[in-house]
């Protein structure tokens, strides 16, 4: 059960890193520029901007990664960051700063 909670927290944080955080703005912008000329890239652009969509693929990746030691470390780091994000939102609101 604890593994499922850890995976869920890690997936939550990973989906926000990809779809919302400043660290991946450049990637999303680059995909957005490619999307203007291609239907396939439009689909990819929609996916990377949707935390729920990223979450599905993140869950698949993290589940496979959980089978190897480096993957478990990544899951632990992302799970702690995910829990920190949830606590921050609960205690101080959803500010973007």
Foldseek 3Di string as FASTA:
>chain_A
DVVVLLLLLLLLQVLCVQAPDPVNPVVLVVLVVVVVVDVVSVVVSVQSNDSVSSSVVSSVVLVVLCVDDVSVVSSNVSNVVSVVQVVCCVPPNDDPD
